[in-house]
PDB file of all heavy atoms in Angstrom:
ATOM      1  N   LYS A   1     -11.469  14.094  28.228  1.00  0.00           N
ATOM      2  CA  LYS A   1     -12.532  15.061  27.947  1.00  0.00           C
ATOM      3  C   LYS A   1     -12.297  15.778  26.628  1.00  0.00           C
ATOM      4  O   LYS A   1     -13.227  15.982  25.842  1.00  0.00           O
ATOM      5  CB  LYS A   1     -12.614  16.067  29.099  1.00  0.00           C
ATOM      6  CG  LYS A   1     -13.668  17.140  28.911  1.00  0.00           C
ATOM      7  CD  LYS A   1     -15.061  16.552  28.790  1.00  0.00           C
ATOM      8  CE  LYS A   1     -16.100  17.638  28.607  1.00  0.00           C
ATOM      9  NZ  LYS A   1     -17.456  17.075  28.426  1.00  0.00           N
ATOM     10  N   ALA A   2     -11.045  16.166  26.368  1.00  0.00           N
ATOM     11  CA  ALA A   2     -10.731  16.835  25.099  1.00  0.00           C
ATOM     12  C   ALA A   2     -10.995  15.916  23.919  1.00  0.00           C
ATOM     13  O   ALA A   2     -11.486  16.339  22.867  1.00  0.00           O
ATOM     14  CB  ALA A   2      -9.269  17.297  25.108  1.00  0.00           C
ATOM     15  N   LEU A   3     -10.677  14.631  24.099  1.00  0.00           N
ATOM     16  CA  LEU A   3     -10.904  13.647  23.035  1.00  0.00           C
ATOM     17  C   LEU A   3     -12.390  13.459  22.770  1.00  0.00           C
ATOM     18  O   LEU A   3     -12.842  13.466  21.614  1.00  0.00           O
ATOM     19  CB  LEU A   3     -10.253  12.329  23.440  1.00  0.00           C
ATOM     20  CG  LEU A   3     -10.107  11.206  22.423  1.00  0.00           C
ATOM     21  CD1 LEU A   3      -8.974  10.284  22.858  1.00  0.00           C
ATOM     22  CD2 LEU A   3     -11.386  10.385  22.328  1.00  0.00           C
ATOM     23  N   SER A   4     -13.178  13.306  23.833  1.00  0.00           N
ATOM     24  CA  SER A   4     -14.613  13.078  23.657  1.00  0.00           C
ATOM     25  C   SER A   4     -15.296  14.284  23.036  1.00  0.00           C
ATOM     26  O   SER A   4     -16.259  14.140  22.278  1.00  0.00           O
ATOM     27  CB  SER A   4     -15.267  12.749  25.002  1.00  0.00           C
ATOM     28  OG  SER A   4     -15.204  13.855  25.885  1.00  0.00           O
ATOM     29  N   SER A   5     -14.799  15.494  23.328  1.00  0.00           N
ATOM     30  CA  SER A   5     -15.411  16.688  22.735  1.00  0.00           C
ATOM     31  C   SER A   5     -15.211  16.738  21.226  1.00  0.00           C
ATOM     32  O   SER A   5     -16.048  17.284  20.501  1.00  0.00           O
ATOM     33  CB  SER A   5     -14.831  17.947  23.383  1.00  0.00           C
ATOM     34  OG  SER A   5     -13.456  18.096  23.071  1.00  0.00           O
ATOM     35  N   GLN A   6     -14.101  16.157  20.729  1.00  0.00           N
ATOM     36  CA  GLN A   6     -13.889  16.117  19.287  1.00  0.00           C
ATOM     37  C   GLN A   6     -14.900  15.199  18.604  1.00  0.00           C
ATOM     38  O   GLN A   6     -15.353  15.479  17.494  1.00  0.00           O
ATOM     39  CB  GLN A   6     -12.463  15.648  18.977  1.00  0.00           C
ATOM     40  CG  GLN A   6     -11.378  16.583  19.449  1.00  0.00           C
ATOM     41  CD  GLN A   6     -11.476  17.951  18.808  1.00  0.00           C
ATOM     42  OE1 GLN A   6     -11.813  18.098  17.634  1.00  0.00           O
ATOM     43  NE2 GLN A   6     -11.202  18.984  19.594  1.00  0.00           N
ATOM     44  N   TYR A   7     -15.273  14.112  19.278  1.00  0.00           N
ATOM     45  CA  TYR A   7     -16.244  13.181  18.716  1.00  0.00           C
ATOM     46  C   TYR A   7     -17.680  13.683  18.874  1.00  0.00           C
ATOM     47  O   TYR A   7     -18.479  13.626  17.930  1.00  0.00           O
ATOM     48  CB  TYR A   7     -16.109  11.811  19.392  1.00  0.00           C
ATOM     49  CG  TYR A   7     -14.970  10.965  18.873  1.00  0.00           C
ATOM     50  CD1 TYR A   7     -13.781  10.860  19.582  1.00  0.00           C
ATOM     51  CD2 TYR A   7     -15.078  10.273  17.673  1.00  0.00           C
ATOM     52  CE1 TYR A   7     -12.733  10.081  19.118  1.00  0.00           C
ATOM     53  CE2 TYR A   7     -14.036   9.494  17.197  1.00  0.00           C
ATOM     54  CZ  TYR A   7     -12.868   9.399  17.927  1.00  0.00           C
ATOM     55  OH  TYR A   7     -11.834   8.638  17.454  1.00  0.00           O
ATOM     56  N   LEU A   8     -18.021  14.169  20.056  1.00  0.00           N
ATOM     57  CA  LEU A   8     -19.419  14.445  20.384  1.00  0.00           C
ATOM     58  C   LEU A   8     -19.841  15.877  20.092  1.00  0.00           C
ATOM     59  O   LEU A   8     -21.023  16.127  19.834  1.00  0.00           O
ATOM     60  CB  LEU A   8     -19.669  14.142  21.873  1.00  0.00           C
ATOM     61  CG  LEU A   8     -19.345  12.717  22.319  1.00  0.00           C
ATOM     62  CD1 LEU A   8     -19.591  12.562  23.814  1.00  0.00           C
ATOM     63  CD2 LEU A   8     -20.172  11.705  21.528  1.00  0.00           C
ATOM     64  N   GLU A   9     -18.913  16.823  20.128  1.00  0.00           N
ATOM     65  CA  GLU A   9     -19.276  18.233  19.947  1.00  0.00           C
ATOM     66  C   GLU A   9     -18.754  18.785  18.618  1.00  0.00           C
ATOM     67  O   GLU A   9     -19.523  19.216  17.780  1.00  0.00           O
ATOM     68  CB  GLU A   9     -18.740  19.056  21.128  1.00  0.00           C
ATOM     69  CG  GLU A   9     -19.335  18.628  22.475  1.00  0.00           C
ATOM     70  CD  GLU A   9     -18.676  19.332  23.645  1.00  0.00           C
ATOM     71  OE1 GLU A   9     -17.940  20.317  23.419  1.00  0.00           O
ATOM     72  OE2 GLU A   9     -18.896  18.905  24.796  1.00  0.00           O
ATOM     73  N   ALA A  10     -17.425  18.764  18.455  1.00  0.00           N
ATOM     74  CA  ALA A  10     -16.855  19.301  17.215  1.00  0.00           C
ATOM     75  C   ALA A  10     -17.066  18.377  16.028  1.00  0.00           C
ATOM     76  O   ALA A  10     -17.007  18.820  14.874  1.00  0.00           O
ATOM     77  CB  ALA A  10     -15.362  19.565  17.394  1.00  0.00           C
ATOM     78  N   GLN A  11     -17.302  17.086  16.284  1.00  0.00           N
ATOM     79  CA  GLN A  11     -17.458  16.069  15.239  1.00  0.00           C
ATOM     80  C   GLN A  11     -16.260  16.042  14.291  1.00  0.00           C
ATOM     81  O   GLN A  11     -16.396  15.804  13.093  1.00  0.00           O
ATOM     82  CB  GLN A  11     -18.753  16.296  14.457  1.00  0.00           C
ATOM     83  CG  GLN A  11     -20.008  16.125  15.315  1.00  0.00           C
ATOM     84  CD  GLN A  11     -21.286  16.230  14.518  1.00  0.00           C
ATOM     85  OE1 GLN A  11     -21.283  16.561  13.326  1.00  0.00           O
ATOM     86  NE2 GLN A  11     -22.396  15.945  15.174  1.00  0.00           N
ATOM     87  N   ASN A  12     -15.094  16.270  14.872  1.00  0.00           N
ATOM     88  CA  ASN A  12     -13.845  16.188  14.121  1.00  0.00           C
ATOM     89  C   ASN A  12     -13.244  14.808  14.408  1.00  0.00           C
ATOM     90  O   ASN A  12     -12.359  14.646  15.244  1.00  0.00           O
ATOM     91  CB  ASN A  12     -12.887  17.301  14.553  1.00  0.00           C
ATOM     92  CG  ASN A  12     -11.681  17.425  13.638  1.00  0.00           C
ATOM     93  OD1 ASN A  12     -11.333  16.483  12.928  1.00  0.00           O
ATOM     94  ND2 ASN A  12     -11.052  18.583  13.649  1.00  0.00           N
ATOM     95  N   TYR A  13     -13.745  13.807  13.698  1.00  0.00           N
ATOM     96  CA  TYR A  13     -13.365  12.426  13.984  1.00  0.00           C
ATOM     97  C   TYR A  13     -11.890  12.138  13.707  1.00  0.00           C
ATOM     98  O   TYR A  13     -11.257  11.401  14.480  1.00  0.00           O
ATOM     99  CB  TYR A  13     -14.260  11.472  13.193  1.00  0.00           C
ATOM    100  CG  TYR A  13     -15.730  11.668  13.479  1.00  0.00           C
ATOM    101  CD1 TYR A  13     -16.591  12.115  12.486  1.00  0.00           C
ATOM    102  CD2 TYR A  13     -16.259  11.429  14.745  1.00  0.00           C
ATOM    103  CE1 TYR A  13     -17.945  12.317  12.741  1.00  0.00           C
ATOM    104  CE2 TYR A  13     -17.604  11.611  15.010  1.00  0.00           C
ATOM    105  CZ  TYR A  13     -18.446  12.068  14.001  1.00  0.00           C
ATOM    106  OH  TYR A  13     -19.764  12.270  14.269  1.00  0.00           O
ATOM    107  N   PRO A  14     -11.291  12.663  12.654  1.00  0.00           N
ATOM    108  CA  PRO A  14      -9.860  12.395  12.437  1.00  0.00           C
ATOM    109  C   PRO A  14      -8.977  12.931  13.565  1.00  0.00           C
ATOM    110  O   PRO A  14      -8.067  12.246  14.028  1.00  0.00           O
ATOM    111  CB  PRO A  14      -9.561  13.083  11.105  1.00  0.00           C
ATOM    112  CG  PRO A  14     -10.872  13.078  10.391  1.00  0.00           C
ATOM    113  CD  PRO A  14     -11.887  13.305  11.460  1.00  0.00           C
ATOM    114  N   LEU A  15      -9.244  14.171  14.023  1.00  0.00           N
ATOM    115  CA  LEU A  15      -8.450  14.725  15.114  1.00  0.00           C
ATOM    116  C   LEU A  15      -8.691  13.942  16.401  1.00  0.00           C
ATOM    117  O   LEU A  15      -7.744  13.629  17.143  1.00  0.00           O
ATOM    118  CB  LEU A  15      -8.780  16.200  15.332  1.00  0.00           C
ATOM    119  CG  LEU A  15      -8.042  16.894  16.481  1.00  0.00           C
ATOM    120  CD1 LEU A  15      -6.533  16.793  16.309  1.00  0.00           C
ATOM    121  CD2 LEU A  15      -8.481  18.355  16.599  1.00  0.00           C
ATOM    122  N   GLY A  16      -9.942  13.597  16.684  1.00  0.00           N
ATOM    123  CA  GLY A  16     -10.233  12.788  17.864  1.00  0.00           C
ATOM    124  C   GLY A  16      -9.547  11.438  17.801  1.00  0.00           C
ATOM    125  O   GLY A  16      -9.043  10.933  18.815  1.00  0.00           O
ATOM    126  N   SER A  17      -9.495  10.839  16.619  1.00  0.00           N
ATOM    127  CA  SER A  17      -8.822   9.547  16.464  1.00  0.00           C
ATOM    128  C   SER A  17      -7.327   9.681  16.682  1.00  0.00           C
ATOM    129  O   SER A  17      -6.696   8.811  17.300  1.00  0.00           O
ATOM    130  CB  SER A  17      -9.109   8.977  15.074  1.00  0.00           C
ATOM    131  OG  SER A  17     -10.492   8.752  14.886  1.00  0.00           O
ATOM    132  N   ALA A  18      -6.725  10.754  16.169  1.00  0.00           N
ATOM    133  CA  ALA A  18      -5.290  10.972  16.377  1.00  0.00           C
ATOM    134  C   ALA A  18      -4.989  11.147  17.860  1.00  0.00           C
ATOM    135  O   ALA A  18      -3.999  10.612  18.371  1.00  0.00           O
ATOM    136  CB  ALA A  18      -4.823  12.195  15.592  1.00  0.00           C
ATOM    137  N   MET A  19      -5.837  11.867  18.576  1.00  0.00           N
ATOM    138  CA  MET A  19      -5.650  12.035  20.010  1.00  0.00           C
ATOM    139  C   MET A  19      -5.794  10.699  20.730  1.00  0.00           C
ATOM    140  O   MET A  19      -5.050  10.408  21.675  1.00  0.00           O
ATOM    141  CB  MET A  19      -6.651  13.056  20.546  1.00  0.00           C
ATOM    142  CG  MET A  19      -6.433  14.467  19.998  1.00  0.00           C
ATOM    143  SD  MET A  19      -7.824  15.579  20.296  1.00  0.00           S
ATOM    144  CE  MET A  19      -7.824  15.659  22.076  1.00  0.00           C
ATOM    145  N   ALA A  20      -6.741   9.882  20.287  1.00  0.00           N
ATOM    146  CA  ALA A  20      -6.924   8.554  20.887  1.00  0.00           C
ATOM    147  C   ALA A  20      -5.705   7.682  20.655  1.00  0.00           C
ATOM    148  O   ALA A  20      -5.287   6.927  21.552  1.00  0.00           O
ATOM    149  CB  ALA A  20      -8.175   7.891  20.318  1.00  0.00           C
ATOM    150  N   VAL A  21      -5.108   7.757  19.477  1.00  0.00           N
ATOM    151  CA  VAL A  21      -3.910   6.960  19.182  1.00  0.00           C
ATOM    152  C   VAL A  21      -2.752   7.393  20.073  1.00  0.00           C
ATOM    153  O   VAL A  21      -1.976   6.551  20.562  1.00  0.00           O
ATOM    154  CB  VAL A  21      -3.543   7.085  17.693  1.00  0.00           C
ATOM    155  CG1 VAL A  21      -2.185   6.435  17.419  1.00  0.00           C
ATOM    156  CG2 VAL A  21      -4.607   6.432  16.820  1.00  0.00           C
ATOM    157  N   LEU A  22      -2.619   8.698  20.322  1.00  0.00           N
ATOM    158  CA  LEU A  22      -1.553   9.172  21.210  1.00  0.00           C
ATOM    159  C   LEU A  22      -1.746   8.638  22.629  1.00  0.00           C
ATOM    160  O   LEU A  22      -0.782   8.237  23.283  1.00  0.00           O
ATOM    161  CB  LEU A  22      -1.531  10.704  21.224  1.00  0.00           C
ATOM    162  CG  LEU A  22      -1.085  11.387  19.926  1.00  0.00           C
ATOM    163  CD1 LEU A  22      -1.111  12.904  20.097  1.00  0.00           C
ATOM    164  CD2 LEU A  22       0.309  10.934  19.525  1.00  0.00           C
ATOM    165  N   VAL A  23      -2.993   8.628  23.096  1.00  0.00           N
ATOM    166  CA  VAL A  23      -3.267   8.092  24.431  1.00  0.00           C
ATOM    167  C   VAL A  23      -2.953   6.596  24.470  1.00  0.00           C
ATOM    168  O   VAL A  23      -2.347   6.092  25.430  1.00  0.00           O
ATOM    169  CB  VAL A  23      -4.734   8.345  24.830  1.00  0.00           C
ATOM    170  CG1 VAL A  23      -5.066   7.637  26.138  1.00  0.00           C
ATOM    171  CG2 VAL A  23      -4.993   9.837  24.966  1.00  0.00           C
ATOM    172  N   LEU A  24      -3.349   5.861  23.414  1.00  0.00           N
ATOM    173  CA  LEU A  24      -3.054   4.427  23.351  1.00  0.00           C
ATOM    174  C   LEU A  24      -1.554   4.171  23.329  1.00  0.00           C
ATOM    175  O   LEU A  24      -1.062   3.209  23.935  1.00  0.00           O
ATOM    176  CB  LEU A  24      -3.720   3.813  22.123  1.00  0.00           C
ATOM    177  CG  LEU A  24      -5.248   3.688  22.165  1.00  0.00           C
ATOM    178  CD1 LEU A  24      -5.781   3.225  20.816  1.00  0.00           C
ATOM    179  CD2 LEU A  24      -5.667   2.723  23.259  1.00  0.00           C
ATOM    180  N   ALA A  25      -0.823   5.027  22.625  1.00  0.00           N
ATOM    181  CA  ALA A  25       0.638   4.875  22.583  1.00  0.00           C
ATOM    182  C   ALA A  25       1.235   5.097  23.970  1.00  0.00           C
ATOM    183  O   ALA A  25       2.158   4.377  24.387  1.00  0.00           O
ATOM    184  CB  ALA A  25       1.240   5.857  21.583  1.00  0.00           C
ATOM    185  N   ALA A  26       0.722   6.089  24.700  1.00  0.00           N
ATOM    186  CA  ALA A  26       1.204   6.329  26.061  1.00  0.00           C
ATOM    187  C   ALA A  26       0.887   5.152  26.964  1.00  0.00           C
ATOM    188  O   ALA A  26       1.722   4.739  27.778  1.00  0.00           O
ATOM    189  CB  ALA A  26       0.583   7.613  26.615  1.00  0.00           C
TER     190      ALA A  26
END
């Protein structure tokens, strides 16, 4: 949910992408 809010609400794509990479690494 925190990741999707960066893309859909805050439109902070770099931060959302970094969060996505951390999830993928996990």
